C-alpha atoms as a PDB file:
ATOM      1  CA  MET A   1      56.845  81.928 158.519  1.00  0.00           C
ATOM      2  CA  THR A   2      57.523  78.843 160.644  1.00  0.00           C
ATOM      3  CA  LEU A   3      55.702  75.525 160.316  1.00  0.00           C
ATOM      4  CA  GLU A   4      55.420  73.630 163.588  1.00  0.00           C
ATOM      5  CA  LEU A   5      53.980  70.174 164.237  1.00  0.00           C
ATOM      6  CA  ARG A   6      53.183  69.523 167.892  1.00  0.00           C
ATOM      7  CA  GLY A   7      52.418  65.884 168.672  1.00  0.00           C
ATOM      8  CA  VAL A   8      50.854  65.397 165.240  1.00  0.00           C
ATOM      9  CA  GLY A   9      49.737  61.812 164.600  1.00  0.00           C
ATOM     10  CA  LYS A  10      47.463  60.013 162.148  1.00  0.00           C
ATOM     11  CA  THR A  11      45.527  56.826 162.863  1.00  0.00           C
ATOM     12  CA  VAL A  12      43.518  54.996 160.195  1.00  0.00           C
ATOM     13  CA  ASP A  13      41.295  52.047 161.147  1.00  0.00           C
ATOM     14  CA  GLY A  14      43.211  51.590 164.381  1.00  0.00           C
ATOM     15  CA  ALA A  15      46.636  51.565 162.673  1.00  0.00           C
ATOM     16  CA  GLU A  16      49.100  54.378 163.369  1.00  0.00           C
ATOM     17  CA  HIS A  17      50.239  55.718 160.010  1.00  0.00           C
ATOM     18  CA  ILE A  18      52.096  58.611 161.676  1.00  0.00           C
ATOM     19  CA  HIS A  19      53.171  58.315 165.302  1.00  0.00           C
ATOM     20  CA  PRO A  20      52.940  61.540 167.371  1.00  0.00           C
ATOM     21  CA  THR A  21      55.496  63.863 165.808  1.00  0.00           C
ATOM     22  CA  ASP A  22      57.142  67.116 166.888  1.00  0.00           C
ATOM     23  CA  LEU A  23      58.832  68.988 164.059  1.00  0.00           C
ATOM     24  CA  THR A  24      59.688  72.639 163.383  1.00  0.00           C
ATOM     25  CA  LEU A  25      60.581  73.915 159.905  1.00  0.00           C
ATOM     26  CA  GLN A  26      62.149  77.342 159.676  1.00  0.00           C
ATOM     27  CA  PRO A  27      61.465  80.042 157.059  1.00  0.00           C
ATOM     28  CA  GLY A  28      63.546  79.725 153.902  1.00  0.00           C
ATOM     29  CA  SER A  29      64.649  76.154 154.631  1.00  0.00           C
ATOM     30  CA  MET A  30      64.998  73.072 152.412  1.00  0.00           C
ATOM     31  CA  ASN A  31      63.757  69.974 154.250  1.00  0.00           C
ATOM     32  CA  VAL A  32      63.972  66.434 152.882  1.00  0.00           C
ATOM     33  CA  LEU A  33      61.718  63.595 154.067  1.00  0.00           C
ATOM     34  CA  LEU A  34      63.784  60.458 153.442  1.00  0.00           C
ATOM     35  CA  GLY A  35      62.396  56.973 153.849  1.00  0.00           C
ATOM     36  CA  PRO A  36      61.369  53.809 152.016  1.00  0.00           C
ATOM     37  CA  THR A  37      57.994  53.326 150.371  1.00  0.00           C
ATOM     38  CA  LEU A  38      55.163  53.308 152.966  1.00  0.00           C
ATOM     39  CA  ALA A  39      57.351  54.996 155.605  1.00  0.00           C
ATOM     40  CA  GLY A  40      54.751  57.791 155.930  1.00  0.00           C
ATOM     41  CA  LYS A  41      56.227  60.560 153.773  1.00  0.00           C
ATOM     42  CA  THR A  42      53.098  61.349 151.744  1.00  0.00           C
ATOM     43  CA  THR A  43      50.828  61.070 154.784  1.00  0.00           C
ATOM     44  CA  LEU A  44      53.003  63.539 156.692  1.00  0.00           C
ATOM     45  CA  MET A  45      52.999  65.982 153.775  1.00  0.00           C
ATOM     46  CA  ARG A  46      49.216  65.775 153.444  1.00  0.00           C
ATOM     47  CA  LEU A  47      48.933  66.633 157.141  1.00  0.00           C
ATOM     48  CA  MET A  48      51.266  69.603 156.662  1.00  0.00           C
ATOM     49  CA  ALA A  49      49.214  70.806 153.696  1.00  0.00           C
ATOM     50  CA  GLY A  50      45.852  70.470 155.436  1.00  0.00           C
ATOM     51  CA  LEU A  51      44.596  67.858 152.952  1.00  0.00           C
ATOM     52  CA  ASP A  52      44.141  65.479 155.896  1.00  0.00           C
ATOM     53  CA  ARG A  53      43.321  66.284 159.509  1.00  0.00           C
ATOM     54  CA  PRO A  54      45.563  64.774 162.210  1.00  0.00           C
ATOM     55  CA  SER A  55      44.101  62.292 164.687  1.00  0.00           C
ATOM     56  CA  SER A  56      46.126  63.954 167.441  1.00  0.00           C
ATOM     57  CA  GLY A  57      48.220  67.060 167.973  1.00  0.00           C
ATOM     58  CA  ALA A  58      48.141  70.461 166.277  1.00  0.00           C
ATOM     59  CA  ILE A  59      49.778  72.269 163.358  1.00  0.00           C
ATOM     60  CA  PHE A  60      50.929  75.875 163.711  1.00  0.00           C
ATOM     61  CA  TRP A  61      51.780  78.257 160.883  1.00  0.00           C
ATOM     62  CA  ASN A  62      53.692  81.325 162.010  1.00  0.00           C
ATOM     63  CA  GLY A  63      52.412  80.774 165.541  1.00  0.00           C
ATOM     64  CA  GLN A  64      48.758  80.402 164.493  1.00  0.00           C
ATOM     65  CA  ASP A  65      46.921  77.091 164.968  1.00  0.00           C
ATOM     66  CA  VAL A  66      45.778  76.049 161.456  1.00  0.00           C
ATOM     67  CA  THR A  67      44.883  72.432 162.306  1.00  0.00           C
ATOM     68  CA  GLY A  68      41.270  72.789 161.197  1.00  0.00           C
ATOM     69  CA  GLN A  69      41.862  75.330 158.447  1.00  0.00           C
ATOM     70  CA  ARG A  70      40.951  74.363 154.873  1.00  0.00           C
ATOM     71  CA  VAL A  71      43.810  73.806 152.468  1.00  0.00           C
ATOM     72  CA  GLN A  72      42.320  76.509 150.203  1.00  0.00           C
ATOM     73  CA  ASP A  73      42.843  79.030 152.994  1.00  0.00           C
ATOM     74  CA  ARG A  74      46.508  78.216 153.501  1.00  0.00           C
ATOM     75  CA  LYS A  75      49.490  79.448 151.508  1.00  0.00           C
ATOM     76  CA  VAL A  76      50.478  75.929 150.470  1.00  0.00           C
ATOM     77  CA  ALA A  77      51.506  74.440 147.125  1.00  0.00           C
ATOM     78  CA  MET A  78      52.030  70.742 146.403  1.00  0.00           C
ATOM     79  CA  VAL A  79      53.649  68.969 143.442  1.00  0.00           C
ATOM     80  CA  TYR A  80      53.236  65.232 143.066  1.00  0.00           C
ATOM     81  CA  GLN A  81      55.216  62.454 141.408  1.00  0.00           C
ATOM     82  CA  GLN A  82      52.560  62.427 138.676  1.00  0.00           C
ATOM     83  CA  PHE A  83      52.963  66.043 137.611  1.00  0.00           C
ATOM     84  CA  ILE A  84      49.795  67.533 136.098  1.00  0.00           C
ATOM     85  CA  ASN A  85      49.501  70.263 133.481  1.00  0.00           C
ATOM     86  CA  TYR A  86      46.456  71.326 131.484  1.00  0.00           C
ATOM     87  CA  PRO A  87      47.216  70.016 127.954  1.00  0.00           C
ATOM     88  CA  SER A  88      44.896  72.449 126.142  1.00  0.00           C
ATOM     89  CA  MET A  89      46.453  75.524 127.776  1.00  0.00           C
ATOM     90  CA  SER A  90      49.738  77.220 126.952  1.00  0.00           C
ATOM     91  CA  VAL A  91      52.552  77.172 129.490  1.00  0.00           C
ATOM     92  CA  TYR A  92      51.672  80.797 130.280  1.00  0.00           C
ATOM     93  CA  GLU A  93      48.041  79.916 131.022  1.00  0.00           C
ATOM     94  CA  ASN A  94      49.038  76.845 133.041  1.00  0.00           C
ATOM     95  CA  ILE A  95      51.195  79.002 135.302  1.00  0.00           C
ATOM     96  CA  ALA A  96      48.573  81.740 135.482  1.00  0.00           C
ATOM     97  CA  SER A  97      45.656  79.400 136.295  1.00  0.00           C
ATOM     98  CA  PRO A  98      45.910  79.463 140.115  1.00  0.00           C
ATOM     99  CA  LEU A  99      46.199  83.261 140.099  1.00  0.00           C
ATOM    100  CA  ARG A 100      43.061  83.565 137.988  1.00  0.00           C
ATOM    101  CA  LEU A 101      41.211  81.392 140.522  1.00  0.00           C
ATOM    102  CA  MET A 102      42.468  83.766 143.224  1.00  0.00           C
ATOM    103  CA  LYS A 103      41.075  86.700 141.164  1.00  0.00           C
ATOM    104  CA  VAL A 104      44.435  88.460 141.019  1.00  0.00           C
ATOM    105  CA  ALA A 105      44.584  91.561 138.812  1.00  0.00           C
ATOM    106  CA  LYS A 106      45.582  90.930 135.194  1.00  0.00           C
ATOM    107  CA  SER A 107      48.727  93.085 135.328  1.00  0.00           C
ATOM    108  CA  GLU A 108      49.855  91.355 138.528  1.00  0.00           C
ATOM    109  CA  ILE A 109      49.219  87.939 136.957  1.00  0.00           C
ATOM    110  CA  ASP A 110      51.402  88.851 133.982  1.00  0.00           C
ATOM    111  CA  ARG A 111      54.196  90.102 136.217  1.00  0.00           C
ATOM    112  CA  ARG A 112      54.195  87.042 138.444  1.00  0.00           C
ATOM    113  CA  VAL A 113      53.902  84.549 135.579  1.00  0.00           C
ATOM    114  CA  ARG A 114      56.862  86.057 133.747  1.00  0.00           C
ATOM    115  CA  GLU A 115      58.914  86.347 136.922  1.00  0.00           C
ATOM    116  CA  THR A 116      58.258  82.696 137.847  1.00  0.00           C
ATOM    117  CA  ALA A 117      58.827  81.502 134.278  1.00  0.00           C
ATOM    118  CA  GLY A 118      62.191  83.254 134.329  1.00  0.00           C
ATOM    119  CA  MET A 119      63.104  81.564 137.592  1.00  0.00           C
ATOM    120  CA  MET A 120      62.159  78.189 136.061  1.00  0.00           C
ATOM    121  CA  ARG A 121      63.874  78.964 132.715  1.00  0.00           C
ATOM    122  CA  LEU A 122      60.595  78.626 130.858  1.00  0.00           C
ATOM    123  CA  THR A 123      60.381  82.092 129.278  1.00  0.00           C
ATOM    124  CA  PRO A 124      61.030  80.847 125.686  1.00  0.00           C
ATOM    125  CA  MET A 125      58.289  78.197 126.118  1.00  0.00           C
ATOM    126  CA  LEU A 126      55.435  80.385 127.396  1.00  0.00           C
ATOM    127  CA  ASP A 127      53.444  80.099 124.147  1.00  0.00           C
ATOM    128  CA  ARG A 128      53.863  76.338 123.830  1.00  0.00           C
ATOM    129  CA  ARG A 129      51.548  73.645 125.143  1.00  0.00           C
ATOM    130  CA  PRO A 130      52.787  71.107 127.696  1.00  0.00           C
ATOM    131  CA  LEU A 131      52.894  68.205 125.223  1.00  0.00           C
ATOM    132  CA  GLU A 132      55.350  70.200 123.108  1.00  0.00           C
ATOM    133  CA  LEU A 133      57.808  70.222 126.030  1.00  0.00           C
ATOM    134  CA  SER A 134      60.341  67.689 127.268  1.00  0.00           C
ATOM    135  CA  GLY A 135      59.595  65.778 130.477  1.00  0.00           C
ATOM    136  CA  GLY A 136      61.875  68.056 132.479  1.00  0.00           C
ATOM    137  CA  GLN A 137      60.252  71.180 131.041  1.00  0.00           C
ATOM    138  CA  GLN A 138      56.782  69.800 131.840  1.00  0.00           C
ATOM    139  CA  GLN A 139      57.820  69.214 135.440  1.00  0.00           C
ATOM    140  CA  ARG A 140      59.256  72.739 135.627  1.00  0.00           C
ATOM    141  CA  CYS A 141      55.886  74.024 134.376  1.00  0.00           C
ATOM    142  CA  ALA A 142      54.122  72.133 137.181  1.00  0.00           C
ATOM    143  CA  LEU A 143      56.604  73.541 139.690  1.00  0.00           C
ATOM    144  CA  ALA A 144      56.100  77.059 138.320  1.00  0.00           C
ATOM    145  CA  ARG A 145      52.340  76.764 138.783  1.00  0.00           C
ATOM    146  CA  ALA A 146      52.948  75.809 142.408  1.00  0.00           C
ATOM    147  CA  LEU A 147      55.449  78.595 143.045  1.00  0.00           C
ATOM    148  CA  VAL A 148      53.559  81.418 141.321  1.00  0.00           C
ATOM    149  CA  LYS A 149      50.984  81.530 144.125  1.00  0.00           C
ATOM    150  CA  GLY A 150      53.668  82.845 146.457  1.00  0.00           C
ATOM    151  CA  ALA A 151      53.082  79.909 148.794  1.00  0.00           C
ATOM    152  CA  GLY A 152      55.056  79.979 152.019  1.00  0.00           C
ATOM    153  CA  LEU A 153      55.111  76.170 152.084  1.00  0.00           C
ATOM    154  CA  VAL A 154      55.956  74.124 148.963  1.00  0.00           C
ATOM    155  CA  LEU A 155      55.566  70.342 149.240  1.00  0.00           C
ATOM    156  CA  LEU A 156      57.271  68.159 146.626  1.00  0.00           C
ATOM    157  CA  ASP A 157      56.249  64.490 146.783  1.00  0.00           C
ATOM    158  CA  GLU A 158      58.917  62.542 144.837  1.00  0.00           C
ATOM    159  CA  PRO A 159      58.564  65.050 141.965  1.00  0.00           C
ATOM    160  CA  LEU A 160      61.367  63.574 139.823  1.00  0.00           C
ATOM    161  CA  ALA A 161      60.584  59.859 140.193  1.00  0.00           C
ATOM    162  CA  ASN A 162      58.982  59.489 136.742  1.00  0.00           C
ATOM    163  CA  LEU A 163      61.690  61.314 134.794  1.00  0.00           C
ATOM    164  CA  ASP A 164      64.627  59.679 133.054  1.00  0.00           C
ATOM    165  CA  TYR A 165      68.086  59.854 134.620  1.00  0.00           C
ATOM    166  CA  LYS A 166      69.345  62.855 132.642  1.00  0.00           C
ATOM    167  CA  LEU A 167      66.273  64.967 133.385  1.00  0.00           C
ATOM    168  CA  ARG A 168      66.365  64.013 137.053  1.00  0.00           C
ATOM    169  CA  GLU A 169      69.983  65.128 137.329  1.00  0.00           C
ATOM    170  CA  GLU A 170      69.138  68.402 135.593  1.00  0.00           C
ATOM    171  CA  LEU A 171      66.271  69.237 137.932  1.00  0.00           C
ATOM    172  CA  ARG A 172      68.077  68.020 141.056  1.00  0.00           C
ATOM    173  CA  ALA A 173      70.719  70.627 140.337  1.00  0.00           C
ATOM    174  CA  GLU A 174      68.121  73.357 139.715  1.00  0.00           C
ATOM    175  CA  ILE A 175      65.820  72.799 142.714  1.00  0.00           C
ATOM    176  CA  PRO A 176      68.247  74.243 145.326  1.00  0.00           C
ATOM    177  CA  ARG A 177      68.599  77.360 143.132  1.00  0.00           C
ATOM    178  CA  ILE A 178      64.806  77.668 142.812  1.00  0.00           C
ATOM    179  CA  PHE A 179      64.453  77.197 146.563  1.00  0.00           C
ATOM    180  CA  GLU A 180      66.962  79.957 147.330  1.00  0.00           C
ATOM    181  CA  GLU A 181      65.211  82.398 144.991  1.00  0.00           C
ATOM    182  CA  SER A 182      61.690  81.727 146.300  1.00  0.00           C
ATOM    183  CA  GLY A 183      62.379  81.989 150.057  1.00  0.00           C
ATOM    184  CA  ALA A 184      59.602  79.503 150.885  1.00  0.00           C
ATOM    185  CA  ILE A 185      59.786  76.484 153.190  1.00  0.00           C
ATOM    186  CA  PHE A 186      60.412  73.513 150.903  1.00  0.00           C
ATOM    187  CA  VAL A 187      59.605  69.932 151.921  1.00  0.00           C
ATOM    188  CA  TYR A 188      60.872  67.308 149.478  1.00  0.00           C
ATOM    189  CA  ALA A 189      60.010  63.605 149.829  1.00  0.00           C
ATOM    190  CA  THR A 190      62.329  60.945 148.405  1.00  0.00           C
ATOM    191  CA  THR A 191      63.314  57.311 148.858  1.00  0.00           C
ATOM    192  CA  GLU A 192      66.890  57.983 147.700  1.00  0.00           C
ATOM    193  CA  PRO A 193      69.698  58.902 150.112  1.00  0.00           C
ATOM    194  CA  GLU A 194      71.772  60.265 147.222  1.00  0.00           C
ATOM    195  CA  GLU A 195      68.994  62.721 146.378  1.00  0.00           C
ATOM    196  CA  ALA A 196      68.879  63.936 149.987  1.00  0.00           C
ATOM    197  CA  LEU A 197      72.642  64.527 149.944  1.00  0.00           C
ATOM    198  CA  LEU A 198      72.460  66.401 146.648  1.00  0.00           C
ATOM    199  CA  LEU A 199      69.639  68.667 147.856  1.00  0.00           C
ATOM    200  CA  GLY A 200      71.339  69.466 151.176  1.00  0.00           C
ATOM    201  CA  GLY A 201      69.451  71.531 153.749  1.00  0.00           C
ATOM    202  CA  ASN A 202      67.889  69.414 156.495  1.00  0.00           C
ATOM    203  CA  THR A 203      66.788  65.784 156.392  1.00  0.00           C
ATOM    204  CA  ALA A 204      64.169  63.936 158.436  1.00  0.00           C
ATOM    205  CA  THR A 205      64.538  60.152 158.207  1.00  0.00           C
ATOM    206  CA  LEU A 206      61.262  58.223 158.395  1.00  0.00           C
ATOM    207  CA  TRP A 207      60.685  54.581 159.289  1.00  0.00           C
ATOM    208  CA  GLU A 208      57.251  53.017 159.797  1.00  0.00           C
ATOM    209  CA  GLY A 209      55.568  56.354 160.476  1.00  0.00           C
ATOM    210  CA  ARG A 210      58.207  57.718 162.866  1.00  0.00           C
ATOM    211  CA  ILE A 211      60.770  60.458 162.335  1.00  0.00           C
ATOM    212  CA  THR A 212      63.922  58.806 163.649  1.00  0.00           C
ATOM    213  CA  GLN A 213      66.185  61.871 163.258  1.00  0.00           C
ATOM    214  CA  PHE A 214      66.032  65.434 161.943  1.00  0.00           C
ATOM    215  CA  GLY A 215      68.862  67.866 161.365  1.00  0.00           C
ATOM    216  CA  PRO A 216      71.348  69.217 158.816  1.00  0.00           C
ATOM    217  CA  THR A 217      71.652  66.605 156.067  1.00  0.00           C
ATOM    218  CA  PRO A 218      75.429  66.001 156.328  1.00  0.00           C
ATOM    219  CA  ARG A 219      75.155  65.550 160.110  1.00  0.00           C
ATOM    220  CA  VAL A 220      72.308  63.018 159.871  1.00  0.00           C
ATOM    221  CA  TYR A 221      74.261  61.082 157.225  1.00  0.00           C
ATOM    222  CA  ARG A 222      77.582  61.080 159.077  1.00  0.00           C
ATOM    223  CA  ALA A 223      76.247  60.623 162.617  1.00  0.00           C
ATOM    224  CA  PRO A 224      72.973  58.662 162.489  1.00  0.00           C
ATOM    225  CA  GLN A 225      71.757  58.472 166.067  1.00  0.00           C
ATOM    226  CA  ASP A 226      70.526  54.896 165.706  1.00  0.00           C
ATOM    227  CA  ALA A 227      70.791  51.827 163.467  1.00  0.00           C
ATOM    228  CA  VAL A 228      67.400  52.461 161.852  1.00  0.00           C
ATOM    229  CA  THR A 229      68.469  55.929 160.697  1.00  0.00           C
ATOM    230  CA  ALA A 230      71.766  54.511 159.440  1.00  0.00           C
ATOM    231  CA  ARG A 231      69.870  51.875 157.446  1.00  0.00           C
ATOM    232  CA  VAL A 232      67.488  54.436 155.937  1.00  0.00           C
ATOM    233  CA  PHE A 233      70.288  56.865 155.048  1.00  0.00           C
ATOM    234  CA  SER A 234      72.419  54.306 153.198  1.00  0.00           C
ATOM    235  CA  ASP A 235      71.928  52.950 149.677  1.00  0.00           C
ATOM    236  CA  PRO A 236      72.076  50.011 149.713  1.00  0.00           C
ATOM    237  CA  PRO A 237      71.128  49.767 153.413  1.00  0.00           C
ATOM    238  CA  MET A 238      74.000  49.711 155.905  1.00  0.00           C
ATOM    239  CA  ASN A 239      75.627  46.344 156.642  1.00  0.00           C
ATOM    240  CA  PHE A 240      75.645  45.063 160.229  1.00  0.00           C
ATOM    241  CA  ALA A 241      77.572  42.437 162.190  1.00  0.00           C
ATOM    242  CA  PRO A 242      77.690  41.515 165.896  1.00  0.00           C
ATOM    243  CA  VAL A 243      80.890  42.490 167.738  1.00  0.00           C
ATOM    244  CA  ARG A 244      82.095  42.357 171.327  1.00  0.00           C
ATOM    245  CA  LEU A 245      84.264  44.856 173.177  1.00  0.00           C
ATOM    246  CA  GLU A 246      86.875  43.767 175.687  1.00  0.00           C
ATOM    247  CA  SER A 247      89.547  45.968 177.290  1.00  0.00           C
ATOM    248  CA  GLY A 248      89.360  48.693 174.645  1.00  0.00           C
ATOM    249  CA  GLN A 249      89.346  46.275 171.698  1.00  0.00           C
ATOM    250  CA  ALA A 250      86.436  45.508 169.384  1.00  0.00           C
ATOM    251  CA  PHE A 251      86.296  41.928 168.097  1.00  0.00           C
ATOM    252  CA  LEU A 252      84.541  40.796 164.939  1.00  0.00           C
ATOM    253  CA  GLY A 253      85.252  37.102 165.198  1.00  0.00           C
ATOM    254  CA  ALA A 254      89.018  36.826 165.656  1.00  0.00           C
ATOM    255  CA  LEU A 255      89.709  40.252 164.122  1.00  0.00           C
ATOM    256  CA  ALA A 256      90.210  43.204 166.463  1.00  0.00           C
ATOM    257  CA  TRP A 257      90.711  46.965 166.396  1.00  0.00           C
ATOM    258  CA  PRO A 258      90.877  49.679 169.091  1.00  0.00           C
ATOM    259  CA  ALA A 259      87.553  51.057 170.351  1.00  0.00           C
ATOM    260  CA  ASP A 260      87.302  53.161 173.500  1.00  0.00           C
ATOM    261  CA  LEU A 261      83.914  51.984 174.785  1.00  0.00           C
ATOM    262  CA  PRO A 262      82.702  49.953 177.780  1.00  0.00           C
ATOM    263  CA  ASP A 263      82.972  46.179 177.467  1.00  0.00           C
ATOM    264  CA  GLY A 264      79.947  44.341 176.114  1.00  0.00           C
ATOM    265  CA  ALA A 265      77.999  43.394 173.000  1.00  0.00           C
ATOM    266  CA  TYR A 266      77.582  45.861 170.119  1.00  0.00           C
ATOM    267  CA  GLN A 267      76.617  45.990 166.463  1.00  0.00           C
ATOM    268  CA  ALA A 268      79.161  47.088 163.898  1.00  0.00           C
ATOM    269  CA  GLY A 269      77.689  49.042 160.981  1.00  0.00           C
ATOM    270  CA  PHE A 270      79.412  49.947 157.725  1.00  0.00           C
ATOM    271  CA  ARG A 271      78.289  51.175 154.311  1.00  0.00           C
ATOM    272  CA  ALA A 272      78.519  49.112 151.126  1.00  0.00           C
ATOM    273  CA  ALA A 273      81.016  51.455 149.456  1.00  0.00           C
ATOM    274  CA  HIS A 274      83.522  50.853 152.262  1.00  0.00           C
ATOM    275  CA  LEU A 275      84.013  47.175 151.436  1.00  0.00           C
ATOM    276  CA  SER A 276      86.863  46.562 149.010  1.00  0.00           C
ATOM    277  CA  LEU A 277      88.323  43.601 147.133  1.00  0.00           C
ATOM    278  CA  THR A 278      91.745  45.253 147.232  1.00  0.00           C
ATOM    279  CA  GLU A 279      94.040  44.777 150.201  1.00  0.00           C
ATOM    280  CA  THR A 280      94.428  48.073 152.020  1.00  0.00           C
ATOM    281  CA  PRO A 281      96.863  48.995 154.821  1.00  0.00           C
ATOM    282  CA  ASP A 282      95.258  48.710 158.290  1.00  0.00           C
ATOM    283  CA  ALA A 283      92.073  47.148 156.835  1.00  0.00           C
ATOM    284  CA  LEU A 284      90.434  44.058 158.316  1.00  0.00           C
ATOM    285  CA  PRO A 285      90.440  40.946 156.063  1.00  0.00           C
ATOM    286  CA  LEU A 286      86.967  39.421 156.144  1.00  0.00           C
ATOM    287  CA  ARG A 287      86.264  36.015 154.583  1.00  0.00           C
ATOM    288  CA  VAL A 288      82.905  35.924 152.800  1.00  0.00           C
ATOM    289  CA  ALA A 289      80.977  33.779 150.320  1.00  0.00           C
ATOM    290  CA  LEU A 290      79.728  35.443 147.139  1.00  0.00           C
ATOM    291  CA  GLU A 291      75.970  34.903 146.710  1.00  0.00           C
ATOM    292  CA  SER A 292      74.985  37.177 143.802  1.00  0.00           C
ATOM    293  CA  VAL A 293      76.248  39.989 141.583  1.00  0.00           C
ATOM    294  CA  GLU A 294      74.489  43.005 140.030  1.00  0.00           C
ATOM    295  CA  PHE A 295      76.207  45.125 137.397  1.00  0.00           C
ATOM    296  CA  THR A 296      75.414  48.851 137.315  1.00  0.00           C
ATOM    297  CA  GLY A 297      77.948  49.933 134.683  1.00  0.00           C
ATOM    298  CA  ALA A 298      80.969  51.493 136.375  1.00  0.00           C
ATOM    299  CA  GLN A 299      80.238  49.682 139.668  1.00  0.00           C
ATOM    300  CA  THR A 300      79.124  46.242 140.838  1.00  0.00           C
ATOM    301  CA  PHE A 301      76.853  45.301 143.707  1.00  0.00           C
ATOM    302  CA  MET A 302      78.218  42.113 145.265  1.00  0.00           C
ATOM    303  CA  HIS A 303      76.101  40.241 147.816  1.00  0.00           C
ATOM    304  CA  PHE A 304      78.102  38.351 150.429  1.00  0.00           C
ATOM    305  CA  ARG A 305      77.399  35.993 153.298  1.00  0.00           C
ATOM    306  CA  HIS A 306      79.564  36.279 156.393  1.00  0.00           C
ATOM    307  CA  GLY A 307      78.482  33.657 158.900  1.00  0.00           C
ATOM    308  CA  GLN A 308      74.808  34.407 159.580  1.00  0.00           C
ATOM    309  CA  ASP A 309      75.059  37.948 158.198  1.00  0.00           C
ATOM    310  CA  GLN A 310      74.318  39.096 154.650  1.00  0.00           C
ATOM    311  CA  TRP A 311      76.281  42.080 153.371  1.00  0.00           C
ATOM    312  CA  VAL A 312      76.343  44.148 150.190  1.00  0.00           C
ATOM    313  CA  GLY A 313      79.496  45.638 148.747  1.00  0.00           C
ATOM    314  CA  LEU A 314      79.523  48.431 146.174  1.00  0.00           C
ATOM    315  CA  ILE A 315      82.727  47.659 144.292  1.00  0.00           C
ATOM    316  CA  GLU A 316      84.314  49.823 141.621  1.00  0.00           C
ATOM    317  CA  GLY A 317      84.471  48.377 138.092  1.00  0.00           C
ATOM    318  CA  VAL A 318      82.842  45.322 136.529  1.00  0.00           C
ATOM    319  CA  GLN A 319      83.533  42.378 138.825  1.00  0.00           C
ATOM    320  CA  ARG A 320      83.049  38.932 137.271  1.00  0.00           C
ATOM    321  CA  ARG A 321      83.388  36.256 139.931  1.00  0.00           C
ATOM    322  CA  GLU A 322      82.025  32.756 140.288  1.00  0.00           C
ATOM    323  CA  LEU A 323      78.999  32.550 142.563  1.00  0.00           C
ATOM    324  CA  GLY A 324      79.528  30.547 145.721  1.00  0.00           C
ATOM    325  CA  GLN A 325      83.279  31.133 145.855  1.00  0.00           C
ATOM    326  CA  GLU A 326      84.980  32.414 148.986  1.00  0.00           C
ATOM    327  CA  LEU A 327      86.571  35.828 148.828  1.00  0.00           C
ATOM    328  CA  THR A 328      88.417  38.195 151.112  1.00  0.00           C
ATOM    329  CA  VAL A 329      86.929  41.682 151.415  1.00  0.00           C
ATOM    330  CA  TRP A 330      88.722  44.490 153.218  1.00  0.00           C
ATOM    331  CA  LEU A 331      87.212  46.987 155.640  1.00  0.00           C
ATOM    332  CA  LYS A 332      88.987  49.833 157.421  1.00  0.00           C
ATOM    333  CA  PRO A 333      88.115  50.181 161.136  1.00  0.00           C
ATOM    334  CA  SER A 334      87.811  53.940 160.542  1.00  0.00           C
ATOM    335  CA  HIS A 335      84.686  53.192 158.461  1.00  0.00           C
ATOM    336  CA  ILE A 336      82.909  51.215 161.200  1.00  0.00           C
ATOM    337  CA  TYR A 337      80.070  52.623 163.313  1.00  0.00           C
ATOM    338  CA  LEU A 338      79.256  50.967 166.628  1.00  0.00           C
ATOM    339  CA  PHE A 339      75.681  50.645 167.928  1.00  0.00           C
ATOM    340  CA  THR A 340      74.362  49.282 171.215  1.00  0.00           C
ATOM    341  CA  PRO A 341      72.250  46.065 171.165  1.00  0.00           C
ATOM    342  CA  GLU A 342      69.177  48.344 171.294  1.00  0.00           C
ATOM    343  CA  GLY A 343      70.379  50.114 168.144  1.00  0.00           C
ATOM    344  CA  ARG A 344      71.530  53.450 169.620  1.00  0.00           C
ATOM    345  CA  LEU A 345      74.708  54.979 168.237  1.00  0.00           C
ATOM    346  CA  ALA A 346      77.617  54.303 170.580  1.00  0.00           C
ATOM    347  CA  ARG A 347      80.372  55.687 168.346  1.00  0.00           C
ATOM    348  CA  ALA A 348      80.307  57.245 164.892  1.00  0.00           C
ATOM    349  CA  ALA A 349      82.778  55.976 162.357  1.00  0.00           C
ATOM    350  CA  PRO A 350      85.988  57.982 162.827  1.00  0.00           C
ATOM    351  CA  TYR A 351      86.087  58.975 159.151  1.00  0.00           C
ATOM    352  CA  ALA A 352      82.636  60.569 159.478  1.00  0.00           C
ATOM    353  CA  ALA A 353      83.357  62.281 162.777  1.00  0.00           C
ATOM    354  CA  ALA A 354      86.415  63.920 161.218  1.00  0.00           C
ATOM    355  CA  ALA A 355      84.599  65.011 158.027  1.00  0.00           C
END
């Protein structure tokens, strides 16, 4: 069962919330929508589900045009950030509720509820009420209610955002297993690049209502086809600096390294984790001013100014430095992407191309 969007767009009060989009999702695939808040992730999912009608284009399900079809008539399930369970019902009845609305036979309801509960590791909790469960168990109950319908398309809109770190890690690890067992098309919206990498499958990067790239998650991460995609698929966003190429050498100020591209102006892009305070063989020494520091425990975000550019470094350990001081940070040329002035990828970072 393939889901296909052909030129699907959404305009509200003259503003394009989703620009015309072509996208095909294959049966049994995990697909991540990755983008910042207000990039269009929820709007796109609502169009896929049939909750909203597109302003342009058409949506096809298994070759059939379902653009005008009611959401009730589609095999779609959706789980939101604010997961909802019925507090007065047991976990069993919560999971069974959509099947009862569909007037499924009692014996079939029991079979499917117990099968789905087993998949979600909820069997010992079937007699409990949602408020007697942990946050992670409550979210699994909401997921089970979505999956029990046998939906061919399951839409997850930032489903783990309101859980604490431990529960998020637990469910992040379980969702790929659930996906494999169900065989449905999964679409998972998130603002976090790390979450996209952990879930795997395919990723579509969104920016201001446009899908900038879609493909296998590792490929989109390692070879972003433009600077916008690179920025979206980096946390913190990718650092950039202007460079010039002359006679096979790339120059960032007075520093140079080999780059086999035509002469001209480019943008160098590199991720925060690739800046280091430790001198490394073959790395470029870059003089920066330290503007602010954020401690995250085992790592430190350090905000630098390099000329007119502001960079972020993700440095291992707790780094206590005086604000305003000048430092040398080190960057290996193998970690540098090169983009054209228009933002198109000219050369992927060698480390990523070899991965």
